C-alpha atoms as a PDB file:
ATOM      1  CA  UNK A   1      15.687  11.887 -27.893  1.00  0.00           C
ATOM      2  CA  UNK A   2      14.248  10.833 -24.526  1.00  0.00           C
ATOM      3  CA  UNK A   3      16.212  11.290 -21.069  1.00  0.00           C
ATOM      4  CA  UNK A   4      16.152   7.969 -19.128  1.00  0.00           C
ATOM      5  CA  UNK A   5      15.648   8.053 -15.711  1.00  0.00           C
ATOM      6  CA  UNK A   6      18.229   7.469 -13.038  1.00  0.00           C
ATOM      7  CA  UNK A   7      18.249   4.656 -11.272  1.00  0.00           C
ATOM      8  CA  UNK A   8      16.336   4.284  -8.785  1.00  0.00           C
ATOM      9  CA  UNK A   9      18.719   2.405  -6.440  1.00  0.00           C
ATOM     10  CA  UNK A  10      22.604   3.663  -6.490  1.00  0.00           C
ATOM     11  CA  UNK A  11      21.208   6.980  -9.385  1.00  0.00           C
ATOM     12  CA  UNK A  12      23.452   6.313 -11.767  1.00  0.00           C
ATOM     13  CA  UNK A  13      22.859   8.789 -14.844  1.00  0.00           C
ATOM     14  CA  UNK A  14      24.272   5.808 -16.987  1.00  0.00           C
ATOM     15  CA  UNK A  15      20.739   3.821 -17.575  1.00  0.00           C
ATOM     16  CA  UNK A  16      20.167   2.141 -20.796  1.00  0.00           C
ATOM     17  CA  UNK A  17      16.785   0.520 -22.199  1.00  0.00           C
ATOM     18  CA  UNK A  18      16.317  -3.051 -22.753  1.00  0.00           C
ATOM     19  CA  UNK A  19      12.983  -3.753 -24.975  1.00  0.00           C
ATOM     20  CA  UNK A  20      10.419  -2.835 -22.342  1.00  0.00           C
ATOM     21  CA  UNK A  21      13.222  -3.067 -18.965  1.00  0.00           C
ATOM     22  CA  UNK A  22      15.720   0.165 -17.963  1.00  0.00           C
ATOM     23  CA  UNK A  23      18.858  -1.544 -16.620  1.00  0.00           C
ATOM     24  CA  UNK A  24      21.652   0.412 -14.457  1.00  0.00           C
ATOM     25  CA  UNK A  25      24.897  -0.841 -15.425  1.00  0.00           C
ATOM     26  CA  UNK A  26      26.690  -0.291 -12.505  1.00  0.00           C
ATOM     27  CA  UNK A  27      24.682  -2.136 -10.261  1.00  0.00           C
ATOM     28  CA  UNK A  28      22.973  -4.006 -12.096  1.00  0.00           C
ATOM     29  CA  UNK A  29      19.302  -3.072 -11.162  1.00  0.00           C
ATOM     30  CA  UNK A  30      16.320  -3.222 -13.284  1.00  0.00           C
ATOM     31  CA  UNK A  31      12.858  -1.857 -13.227  1.00  0.00           C
ATOM     32  CA  UNK A  32      10.711  -1.040 -15.835  1.00  0.00           C
ATOM     33  CA  UNK A  33       9.275   2.744 -16.407  1.00  0.00           C
ATOM     34  CA  UNK A  34       5.713   1.798 -14.722  1.00  0.00           C
ATOM     35  CA  UNK A  35       7.715   0.198 -11.471  1.00  0.00           C
ATOM     36  CA  UNK A  36       9.054   3.539 -11.031  1.00  0.00           C
ATOM     37  CA  UNK A  37       5.659   5.881 -11.624  1.00  0.00           C
ATOM     38  CA  UNK A  38       4.140   3.284  -8.984  1.00  0.00           C
ATOM     39  CA  UNK A  39       6.950   3.521  -6.713  1.00  0.00           C
ATOM     40  CA  UNK A  40       6.570   7.415  -6.745  1.00  0.00           C
ATOM     41  CA  UNK A  41       2.705   7.386  -5.660  1.00  0.00           C
ATOM     42  CA  UNK A  42       2.579   8.778  -1.998  1.00  0.00           C
ATOM     43  CA  UNK A  43       0.024   5.844   0.006  1.00  0.00           C
ATOM     44  CA  UNK A  44      -2.646   8.407   2.230  1.00  0.00           C
ATOM     45  CA  UNK A  45      -3.968   6.705   5.311  1.00  0.00           C
ATOM     46  CA  UNK A  46      -7.815   7.771   5.813  1.00  0.00           C
ATOM     47  CA  UNK A  47     -10.064   6.978   8.910  1.00  0.00           C
ATOM     48  CA  UNK A  48     -13.236   5.722   9.006  1.00  0.00           C
ATOM     49  CA  UNK A  49     -14.732   9.918   7.919  1.00  0.00           C
ATOM     50  CA  UNK A  50     -11.867  10.286   5.231  1.00  0.00           C
ATOM     51  CA  UNK A  51      -9.913  11.975   7.157  1.00  0.00           C
ATOM     52  CA  UNK A  52      -6.298  11.727   6.405  1.00  0.00           C
ATOM     53  CA  UNK A  53      -4.420  10.240   9.327  1.00  0.00           C
ATOM     54  CA  UNK A  54      -0.926  11.201  10.588  1.00  0.00           C
ATOM     55  CA  UNK A  55       1.799   9.651  12.482  1.00  0.00           C
ATOM     56  CA  UNK A  56       1.836  10.892  15.909  1.00  0.00           C
ATOM     57  CA  UNK A  57      -2.466  11.941  15.792  1.00  0.00           C
ATOM     58  CA  UNK A  58      -4.447  10.452  18.631  1.00  0.00           C
ATOM     59  CA  UNK A  59      -7.283   8.286  17.446  1.00  0.00           C
ATOM     60  CA  UNK A  60     -10.988   7.047  18.310  1.00  0.00           C
ATOM     61  CA  UNK A  61     -12.320   3.699  18.160  1.00  0.00           C
ATOM     62  CA  UNK A  62     -15.312   3.445  16.597  1.00  0.00           C
ATOM     63  CA  UNK A  63     -16.579  -0.329  16.828  1.00  0.00           C
ATOM     64  CA  UNK A  64     -15.916  -2.705  19.904  1.00  0.00           C
ATOM     65  CA  UNK A  65     -13.403  -4.878  18.396  1.00  0.00           C
ATOM     66  CA  UNK A  66     -12.458  -8.141  20.086  1.00  0.00           C
ATOM     67  CA  UNK A  67      -8.882  -8.666  20.487  1.00  0.00           C
ATOM     68  CA  UNK A  68      -6.925 -12.039  19.920  1.00  0.00           C
ATOM     69  CA  UNK A  69      -5.760 -12.999  23.156  1.00  0.00           C
ATOM     70  CA  UNK A  70      -7.797 -11.289  24.980  1.00  0.00           C
ATOM     71  CA  UNK A  71     -10.377 -12.334  27.563  1.00  0.00           C
ATOM     72  CA  UNK A  72     -12.221  -8.414  27.389  1.00  0.00           C
ATOM     73  CA  UNK A  73     -13.138  -6.564  24.502  1.00  0.00           C
ATOM     74  CA  UNK A  74     -11.689  -3.293  23.446  1.00  0.00           C
ATOM     75  CA  UNK A  75     -14.692  -0.268  23.614  1.00  0.00           C
ATOM     76  CA  UNK A  76     -16.157   2.114  21.278  1.00  0.00           C
ATOM     77  CA  UNK A  77     -14.494   5.196  22.366  1.00  0.00           C
ATOM     78  CA  UNK A  78     -11.289   3.819  23.712  1.00  0.00           C
ATOM     79  CA  UNK A  79      -8.315   6.985  22.968  1.00  0.00           C
ATOM     80  CA  UNK A  80      -5.322   5.566  20.932  1.00  0.00           C
ATOM     81  CA  UNK A  81      -2.568   8.116  21.720  1.00  0.00           C
ATOM     82  CA  UNK A  82       0.620   8.525  19.106  1.00  0.00           C
ATOM     83  CA  UNK A  83       0.160   5.894  15.798  1.00  0.00           C
ATOM     84  CA  UNK A  84       2.445   5.324  14.074  1.00  0.00           C
ATOM     85  CA  UNK A  85       1.470   4.370  10.109  1.00  0.00           C
ATOM     86  CA  UNK A  86       2.865   1.318   8.358  1.00  0.00           C
ATOM     87  CA  UNK A  87       2.120  -0.641   5.404  1.00  0.00           C
ATOM     88  CA  UNK A  88      -0.462  -3.983   5.379  1.00  0.00           C
ATOM     89  CA  UNK A  89      -4.090  -4.823   6.472  1.00  0.00           C
ATOM     90  CA  UNK A  90      -3.532  -4.149  10.007  1.00  0.00           C
ATOM     91  CA  UNK A  91      -2.506  -0.609   9.024  1.00  0.00           C
ATOM     92  CA  UNK A  92      -2.094   1.176  12.277  1.00  0.00           C
ATOM     93  CA  UNK A  93       0.673  -0.246  15.529  1.00  0.00           C
ATOM     94  CA  UNK A  94      -0.015   1.702  18.533  1.00  0.00           C
ATOM     95  CA  UNK A  95       0.069   0.862  22.793  1.00  0.00           C
ATOM     96  CA  UNK A  96      -3.024   0.717  24.142  1.00  0.00           C
ATOM     97  CA  UNK A  97      -3.750   1.019  28.122  1.00  0.00           C
ATOM     98  CA  UNK A  98      -4.507  -2.442  29.332  1.00  0.00           C
ATOM     99  CA  UNK A  99      -4.061  -3.950  26.306  1.00  0.00           C
ATOM    100  CA  UNK A 100      -0.161  -3.023  25.134  1.00  0.00           C
ATOM    101  CA  UNK A 101       1.240  -2.854  21.438  1.00  0.00           C
ATOM    102  CA  UNK A 102      -1.215  -3.702  18.687  1.00  0.00           C
ATOM    103  CA  UNK A 103      -2.284  -3.089  15.488  1.00  0.00           C
ATOM    104  CA  UNK A 104      -5.686  -1.746  14.051  1.00  0.00           C
ATOM    105  CA  UNK A 105      -7.133  -1.083  10.904  1.00  0.00           C
ATOM    106  CA  UNK A 106      -7.948   2.156   9.745  1.00  0.00           C
ATOM    107  CA  UNK A 107     -11.665   2.032   9.144  1.00  0.00           C
ATOM    108  CA  UNK A 108     -12.400   1.330  12.506  1.00  0.00           C
ATOM    109  CA  UNK A 109     -11.161   4.630  14.276  1.00  0.00           C
ATOM    110  CA  UNK A 110     -11.505   8.471  13.927  1.00  0.00           C
ATOM    111  CA  UNK A 111      -9.674  11.231  14.067  1.00  0.00           C
ATOM    112  CA  UNK A 112      -9.938  12.338  17.751  1.00  0.00           C
END
């Protein structure tokens, strides 16, 4: 007999299998085994050189970047301190002196 994993929503141990779904009788949450395995994978953010980035790191911009709504360009070599990593296309949330709050792509920065 195989043991079923607890519910990812309420951690109930009374889950049961219904065809290809796992079901929690306490909170009525339904999920597949593949969803559970995919949610356990941890995303790793890397810079242009393949170095792993962490929240709070400082990075350098490696390419002149046009900024929407601004008349100037974010120059190569601009240092960005205290980054925050987020999900999405632009995966770095930060504040840059002279520009304010913005989001950058990790492919255009390197760890300082």
